[in-house]
Amino acid sequence: MHDKFKWEEGTIFHMHEDDQSGRNILLAKCGFRVYREEGKKLRQDAEGRTFDGWSEKYDEFIPVFSPRI
């Protein structure tokens, strides 16, 4: 995914439709992190799983047609 400055690894957690101006838009909840055992910025989430990347504080909904995904 693109974080507005560079390409980063990320995870799409789920998708949902949102009504915007009378049109249904499919949005993906994206996180700039990948769950793994080893990495450069290993952290733990609230459930104790280790991930490499940014915390859920930086998650965002991005339209699935966006070139950022």
PDB file of N, CA and C in Angstrom:
ATOM      1  N   MET A   1       0.839  -1.167   0.000  1.00  0.00           N
ATOM      2  CA  MET A   1       0.000   0.000   0.000  1.00  0.00           C
ATOM      3  C   MET A   1       0.888   1.234   0.000  1.00  0.00           C
ATOM      4  N   HIS A   2       0.345   2.289  -0.507  1.00  0.00           N
ATOM      5  CA  HIS A   2       1.106   3.537  -0.570  1.00  0.00           C
ATOM      6  C   HIS A   2       0.654   4.440   0.576  1.00  0.00           C
ATOM      7  N   ASP A   3       1.606   4.936   1.353  1.00  0.00           N
ATOM      8  CA  ASP A   3       1.263   5.755   2.526  1.00  0.00           C
ATOM      9  C   ASP A   3       1.309   7.252   2.242  1.00  0.00           C
ATOM     10  N   LYS A   4       1.181   7.643   0.991  1.00  0.00           N
ATOM     11  CA  LYS A   4       1.227   9.023   0.496  1.00  0.00           C
ATOM     12  C   LYS A   4       2.644   9.513   0.248  1.00  0.00           C
ATOM     13  N   PHE A   5       3.655   8.727   0.663  1.00  0.00           N
ATOM     14  CA  PHE A   5       5.044   9.090   0.417  1.00  0.00           C
ATOM     15  C   PHE A   5       5.825   7.972  -0.259  1.00  0.00           C
ATOM     16  N   LYS A   6       5.548   6.712   0.137  1.00  0.00           N
ATOM     17  CA  LYS A   6       6.258   5.573  -0.457  1.00  0.00           C
ATOM     18  C   LYS A   6       5.426   4.305  -0.288  1.00  0.00           C
ATOM     19  N   TRP A   7       5.803   3.271  -1.018  1.00  0.00           N
ATOM     20  CA  TRP A   7       5.131   1.986  -0.927  1.00  0.00           C
ATOM     21  C   TRP A   7       5.584   1.245   0.315  1.00  0.00           C
ATOM     22  N   GLU A   8       4.624   0.661   1.031  1.00  0.00           N
ATOM     23  CA  GLU A   8       4.893  -0.108   2.252  1.00  0.00           C
ATOM     24  C   GLU A   8       4.102  -1.408   2.196  1.00  0.00           C
ATOM     25  N   GLU A   9       4.594  -2.418   2.909  1.00  0.00           N
ATOM     26  CA  GLU A   9       3.814  -3.638   3.064  1.00  0.00           C
ATOM     27  C   GLU A   9       2.625  -3.335   3.956  1.00  0.00           C
ATOM     28  N   GLY A  10       1.559  -4.036   3.745  1.00  0.00           N
ATOM     29  CA  GLY A  10       0.380  -3.806   4.562  1.00  0.00           C
ATOM     30  C   GLY A  10      -0.554  -4.992   4.536  1.00  0.00           C
ATOM     31  N   THR A  11      -1.618  -4.859   5.304  1.00  0.00           N
ATOM     32  CA  THR A  11      -2.622  -5.908   5.416  1.00  0.00           C
ATOM     33  C   THR A  11      -4.000  -5.291   5.242  1.00  0.00           C
ATOM     34  N   ILE A  12      -4.851  -5.957   4.462  1.00  0.00           N
ATOM     35  CA  ILE A  12      -6.249  -5.562   4.377  1.00  0.00           C
ATOM     36  C   ILE A  12      -7.005  -6.435   5.367  1.00  0.00           C
ATOM     37  N   PHE A  13      -7.625  -5.809   6.356  1.00  0.00           N
ATOM     38  CA  PHE A  13      -8.285  -6.553   7.418  1.00  0.00           C
ATOM     39  C   PHE A  13      -9.723  -6.923   7.084  1.00  0.00           C
ATOM     40  N   HIS A  14     -10.464  -6.030   6.500  1.00  0.00           N
ATOM     41  CA  HIS A  14     -11.810  -6.335   6.041  1.00  0.00           C
ATOM     42  C   HIS A  14     -12.281  -5.237   5.096  1.00  0.00           C
ATOM     43  N   MET A  15     -13.399  -5.537   4.416  1.00  0.00           N
ATOM     44  CA  MET A  15     -13.965  -4.575   3.487  1.00  0.00           C
ATOM     45  C   MET A  15     -15.445  -4.392   3.818  1.00  0.00           C
ATOM     46  N   HIS A  16     -15.957  -3.205   3.542  1.00  0.00           N
ATOM     47  CA  HIS A  16     -17.381  -2.952   3.714  1.00  0.00           C
ATOM     48  C   HIS A  16     -17.835  -1.862   2.747  1.00  0.00           C
ATOM     49  N   GLU A  17     -19.134  -1.847   2.504  1.00  0.00           N
ATOM     50  CA  GLU A  17     -19.703  -0.832   1.628  1.00  0.00           C
ATOM     51  C   GLU A  17     -20.130   0.365   2.462  1.00  0.00           C
ATOM     52  N   ASP A  18     -19.941   1.555   1.897  1.00  0.00           N
ATOM     53  CA  ASP A  18     -20.318   2.788   2.566  1.00  0.00           C
ATOM     54  C   ASP A  18     -21.094   3.644   1.567  1.00  0.00           C
ATOM     55  N   ASP A  19     -22.172   4.237   2.018  1.00  0.00           N
ATOM     56  CA  ASP A  19     -22.980   5.100   1.158  1.00  0.00           C
ATOM     57  C   ASP A  19     -22.377   6.504   1.177  1.00  0.00           C
ATOM     58  N   GLN A  20     -21.854   6.927   0.041  1.00  0.00           N
ATOM     59  CA  GLN A  20     -21.262   8.256  -0.085  1.00  0.00           C
ATOM     60  C   GLN A  20     -21.942   8.983  -1.234  1.00  0.00           C
ATOM     61  N   SER A  21     -22.685  10.019  -0.891  1.00  0.00           N
ATOM     62  CA  SER A  21     -23.408  10.825  -1.884  1.00  0.00           C
ATOM     63  C   SER A  21     -24.362   9.971  -2.727  1.00  0.00           C
ATOM     64  N   GLY A  22     -25.033   9.021  -2.080  1.00  0.00           N
ATOM     65  CA  GLY A  22     -25.994   8.197  -2.788  1.00  0.00           C
ATOM     66  C   GLY A  22     -25.414   7.046  -3.572  1.00  0.00           C
ATOM     67  N   ARG A  23     -24.105   6.842  -3.478  1.00  0.00           N
ATOM     68  CA  ARG A  23     -23.442   5.737  -4.179  1.00  0.00           C
ATOM     69  C   ARG A  23     -22.795   4.822  -3.159  1.00  0.00           C
ATOM     70  N   ASN A  24     -22.908   3.527  -3.363  1.00  0.00           N
ATOM     71  CA  ASN A  24     -22.214   2.579  -2.500  1.00  0.00           C
ATOM     72  C   ASN A  24     -20.769   2.448  -2.957  1.00  0.00           C
ATOM     73  N   ILE A  25     -19.862   2.697  -2.046  1.00  0.00           N
ATOM     74  CA  ILE A  25     -18.430   2.606  -2.324  1.00  0.00           C
ATOM     75  C   ILE A  25     -17.871   1.477  -1.466  1.00  0.00           C
ATOM     76  N   LEU A  26     -17.085   0.586  -2.072  1.00  0.00           N
ATOM     77  CA  LEU A  26     -16.454  -0.495  -1.331  1.00  0.00           C
ATOM     78  C   LEU A  26     -15.139   0.018  -0.749  1.00  0.00           C
ATOM     79  N   LEU A  27     -15.021  -0.052   0.577  1.00  0.00           N
ATOM     80  CA  LEU A  27     -13.829   0.413   1.278  1.00  0.00           C
ATOM     81  C   LEU A  27     -13.084  -0.757   1.904  1.00  0.00           C
ATOM     82  N   ALA A  28     -11.772  -0.667   1.931  1.00  0.00           N
ATOM     83  CA  ALA A  28     -10.936  -1.677   2.570  1.00  0.00           C
ATOM     84  C   ALA A  28     -10.288  -1.053   3.804  1.00  0.00           C
ATOM     85  N   LYS A  29     -10.392  -1.737   4.949  1.00  0.00           N
ATOM     86  CA  LYS A  29      -9.682  -1.269   6.142  1.00  0.00           C
ATOM     87  C   LYS A  29      -8.261  -1.783   6.029  1.00  0.00           C
ATOM     88  N   CYS A  30      -7.315  -0.853   5.886  1.00  0.00           N
ATOM     89  CA  CYS A  30      -5.920  -1.190   5.627  1.00  0.00           C
ATOM     90  C   CYS A  30      -5.039  -0.815   6.807  1.00  0.00           C
ATOM     91  N   GLY A  31      -4.080  -1.662   7.096  1.00  0.00           N
ATOM     92  CA  GLY A  31      -3.094  -1.386   8.127  1.00  0.00           C
ATOM     93  C   GLY A  31      -1.707  -1.513   7.542  1.00  0.00           C
ATOM     94  N   PHE A  32      -0.834  -0.603   7.892  1.00  0.00           N
ATOM     95  CA  PHE A  32       0.532  -0.622   7.383  1.00  0.00           C
ATOM     96  C   PHE A  32       1.395  -1.502   8.283  1.00  0.00           C
ATOM     97  N   ARG A  33       0.984  -2.772   8.386  1.00  0.00           N
ATOM     98  CA  ARG A  33       1.725  -3.737   9.180  1.00  0.00           C
ATOM     99  C   ARG A  33       1.466  -5.135   8.636  1.00  0.00           C
ATOM    100  N   VAL A  34       2.421  -6.020   8.912  1.00  0.00           N
ATOM    101  CA  VAL A  34       2.321  -7.418   8.513  1.00  0.00           C
ATOM    102  C   VAL A  34       2.649  -8.251   9.736  1.00  0.00           C
ATOM    103  N   TYR A  35       1.796  -9.215  10.044  1.00  0.00           N
ATOM    104  CA  TYR A  35       2.021 -10.071  11.208  1.00  0.00           C
ATOM    105  C   TYR A  35       3.046 -11.140  10.859  1.00  0.00           C
ATOM    106  N   ARG A  36       4.132 -11.168  11.644  1.00  0.00           N
ATOM    107  CA  ARG A  36       5.202 -12.146  11.439  1.00  0.00           C
ATOM    108  C   ARG A  36       6.052 -12.255  12.697  1.00  0.00           C
ATOM    109  N   GLU A  37       6.925 -13.230  12.712  1.00  0.00           N
ATOM    110  CA  GLU A  37       7.774 -13.490  13.888  1.00  0.00           C
ATOM    111  C   GLU A  37       9.037 -12.629  13.908  1.00  0.00           C
ATOM    112  N   GLU A  38       9.558 -12.250  12.725  1.00  0.00           N
ATOM    113  CA  GLU A  38      10.796 -11.478  12.653  1.00  0.00           C
ATOM    114  C   GLU A  38      10.591 -10.256  11.768  1.00  0.00           C
ATOM    115  N   GLY A  39      11.283  -9.166  12.092  1.00  0.00           N
ATOM    116  CA  GLY A  39      11.180  -7.962  11.285  1.00  0.00           C
ATOM    117  C   GLY A  39      11.972  -6.823  11.896  1.00  0.00           C
ATOM    118  N   LYS A  40      11.956  -5.672  11.212  1.00  0.00           N
ATOM    119  CA  LYS A  40      12.752  -4.541  11.661  1.00  0.00           C
ATOM    120  C   LYS A  40      12.094  -3.722  12.765  1.00  0.00           C
ATOM    121  N   LYS A  41      10.757  -3.692  12.819  1.00  0.00           N
ATOM    122  CA  LYS A  41      10.054  -2.904  13.839  1.00  0.00           C
ATOM    123  C   LYS A  41       9.040  -3.783  14.568  1.00  0.00           C
ATOM    124  N   LEU A  42       9.475  -4.887  15.123  1.00  0.00           N
ATOM    125  CA  LEU A  42       8.525  -5.810  15.752  1.00  0.00           C
ATOM    126  C   LEU A  42       7.860  -5.175  16.960  1.00  0.00           C
ATOM    127  N   ARG A  43       6.546  -5.333  17.013  1.00  0.00           N
ATOM    128  CA  ARG A  43       5.740  -4.848  18.138  1.00  0.00           C
ATOM    129  C   ARG A  43       4.675  -5.887  18.417  1.00  0.00           C
ATOM    130  N   GLN A  44       3.914  -5.673  19.469  1.00  0.00           N
ATOM    131  CA  GLN A  44       2.800  -6.569  19.763  1.00  0.00           C
ATOM    132  C   GLN A  44       1.504  -5.779  19.786  1.00  0.00           C
ATOM    133  N   ASP A  45       0.456  -6.409  19.257  1.00  0.00           N
ATOM    134  CA  ASP A  45      -0.856  -5.759  19.311  1.00  0.00           C
ATOM    135  C   ASP A  45      -1.543  -6.108  20.627  1.00  0.00           C
ATOM    136  N   ALA A  46      -2.754  -5.655  20.803  1.00  0.00           N
ATOM    137  CA  ALA A  46      -3.495  -5.875  22.051  1.00  0.00           C
ATOM    138  C   ALA A  46      -3.739  -7.361  22.326  1.00  0.00           C
ATOM    139  N   GLU A  47      -3.730  -8.183  21.278  1.00  0.00           N
ATOM    140  CA  GLU A  47      -3.952  -9.621  21.431  1.00  0.00           C
ATOM    141  C   GLU A  47      -2.655 -10.397  21.586  1.00  0.00           C
ATOM    142  N   GLY A  48      -1.515  -9.705  21.621  1.00  0.00           N
ATOM    143  CA  GLY A  48      -0.224 -10.352  21.819  1.00  0.00           C
ATOM    144  C   GLY A  48       0.431 -10.889  20.564  1.00  0.00           C
ATOM    145  N   ARG A  49      -0.144 -10.610  19.386  1.00  0.00           N
ATOM    146  CA  ARG A  49       0.455 -11.063  18.131  1.00  0.00           C
ATOM    147  C   ARG A  49       1.562 -10.092  17.728  1.00  0.00           C
ATOM    148  N   THR A  50       2.660 -10.615  17.188  1.00  0.00           N
ATOM    149  CA  THR A  50       3.764  -9.755  16.771  1.00  0.00           C
ATOM    150  C   THR A  50       3.575  -9.308  15.332  1.00  0.00           C
ATOM    151  N   PHE A  51       3.928  -8.064  15.097  1.00  0.00           N
ATOM    152  CA  PHE A  51       3.820  -7.523  13.745  1.00  0.00           C
ATOM    153  C   PHE A  51       4.990  -6.598  13.468  1.00  0.00           C
ATOM    154  N   ASP A  52       5.219  -6.380  12.199  1.00  0.00           N
ATOM    155  CA  ASP A  52       6.258  -5.486  11.709  1.00  0.00           C
ATOM    156  C   ASP A  52       5.536  -4.338  11.015  1.00  0.00           C
ATOM    157  N   GLY A  53       5.755  -3.111  11.455  1.00  0.00           N
ATOM    158  CA  GLY A  53       5.107  -1.968  10.828  1.00  0.00           C
ATOM    159  C   GLY A  53       4.509  -1.028  11.854  1.00  0.00           C
ATOM    160  N   TRP A  54       3.409  -0.394  11.465  1.00  0.00           N
ATOM    161  CA  TRP A  54       2.780   0.646  12.271  1.00  0.00           C
ATOM    162  C   TRP A  54       1.578   0.106  13.048  1.00  0.00           C
ATOM    163  N   SER A  55       1.278   0.715  14.172  1.00  0.00           N
ATOM    164  CA  SER A  55       0.167   0.270  15.011  1.00  0.00           C
ATOM    165  C   SER A  55      -1.179   0.580  14.364  1.00  0.00           C
ATOM    166  N   GLU A  56      -2.245   0.025  14.942  1.00  0.00           N
ATOM    167  CA  GLU A  56      -3.587   0.218  14.388  1.00  0.00           C
ATOM    168  C   GLU A  56      -4.054   1.667  14.452  1.00  0.00           C
ATOM    169  N   LYS A  57      -3.362   2.473  15.208  1.00  0.00           N
ATOM    170  CA  LYS A  57      -3.670   3.911  15.259  1.00  0.00           C
ATOM    171  C   LYS A  57      -3.622   4.527  13.856  1.00  0.00           C
ATOM    172  N   TYR A  58      -2.808   3.940  12.987  1.00  0.00           N
ATOM    173  CA  TYR A  58      -2.618   4.482  11.639  1.00  0.00           C
ATOM    174  C   TYR A  58      -3.426   3.742  10.575  1.00  0.00           C
ATOM    175  N   ASP A  59      -4.301   2.820  10.984  1.00  0.00           N
ATOM    176  CA  ASP A  59      -5.168   2.137  10.019  1.00  0.00           C
ATOM    177  C   ASP A  59      -6.087   3.161   9.356  1.00  0.00           C
ATOM    178  N   GLU A  60      -6.477   2.864   8.136  1.00  0.00           N
ATOM    179  CA  GLU A  60      -7.404   3.758   7.449  1.00  0.00           C
ATOM    180  C   GLU A  60      -8.262   2.976   6.460  1.00  0.00           C
ATOM    181  N   PHE A  61      -9.406   3.559   6.132  1.00  0.00           N
ATOM    182  CA  PHE A  61     -10.279   2.989   5.117  1.00  0.00           C
ATOM    183  C   PHE A  61      -9.920   3.631   3.784  1.00  0.00           C
ATOM    184  N   ILE A  62      -9.632   2.788   2.808  1.00  0.00           N
ATOM    185  CA  ILE A  62      -9.242   3.261   1.483  1.00  0.00           C
ATOM    186  C   ILE A  62     -10.185   2.629   0.467  1.00  0.00           C
ATOM    187  N   PRO A  63     -10.734   3.424  -0.469  1.00  0.00           N
ATOM    188  CA  PRO A  63     -11.592   2.837  -1.498  1.00  0.00           C
ATOM    189  C   PRO A  63     -10.815   1.774  -2.281  1.00  0.00           C
ATOM    190  N   VAL A  64     -11.458   0.649  -2.575  1.00  0.00           N
ATOM    191  CA  VAL A  64     -10.750  -0.449  -3.237  1.00  0.00           C
ATOM    192  C   VAL A  64     -10.263  -0.086  -4.638  1.00  0.00           C
ATOM    193  N   PHE A  65     -10.833   0.938  -5.251  1.00  0.00           N
ATOM    194  CA  PHE A  65     -10.382   1.356  -6.587  1.00  0.00           C
ATOM    195  C   PHE A  65      -9.214   2.336  -6.518  1.00  0.00           C
ATOM    196  N   SER A  66      -8.753   2.668  -5.325  1.00  0.00           N
ATOM    197  CA  SER A  66      -7.641   3.617  -5.159  1.00  0.00           C
ATOM    198  C   SER A  66      -6.326   3.020  -5.658  1.00  0.00           C
ATOM    199  N   PRO A  67      -5.501   3.804  -6.336  1.00  0.00           N
ATOM    200  CA  PRO A  67      -4.190   3.316  -6.754  1.00  0.00           C
ATOM    201  C   PRO A  67      -3.224   3.130  -5.570  1.00  0.00           C
ATOM    202  N   ARG A  68      -3.639   3.496  -4.361  1.00  0.00           N
ATOM    203  CA  ARG A  68      -2.780   3.317  -3.175  1.00  0.00           C
ATOM    204  C   ARG A  68      -2.739   1.874  -2.681  1.00  0.00           C
ATOM    205  N   ILE A  69      -3.684   1.052  -3.163  1.00  0.00           N
ATOM    206  CA  ILE A  69      -3.704  -0.342  -2.723  1.00  0.00           C
ATOM    207  C   ILE A  69      -3.008  -1.179  -3.758  1.00  0.00           C
TER     208      ILE A  69
END
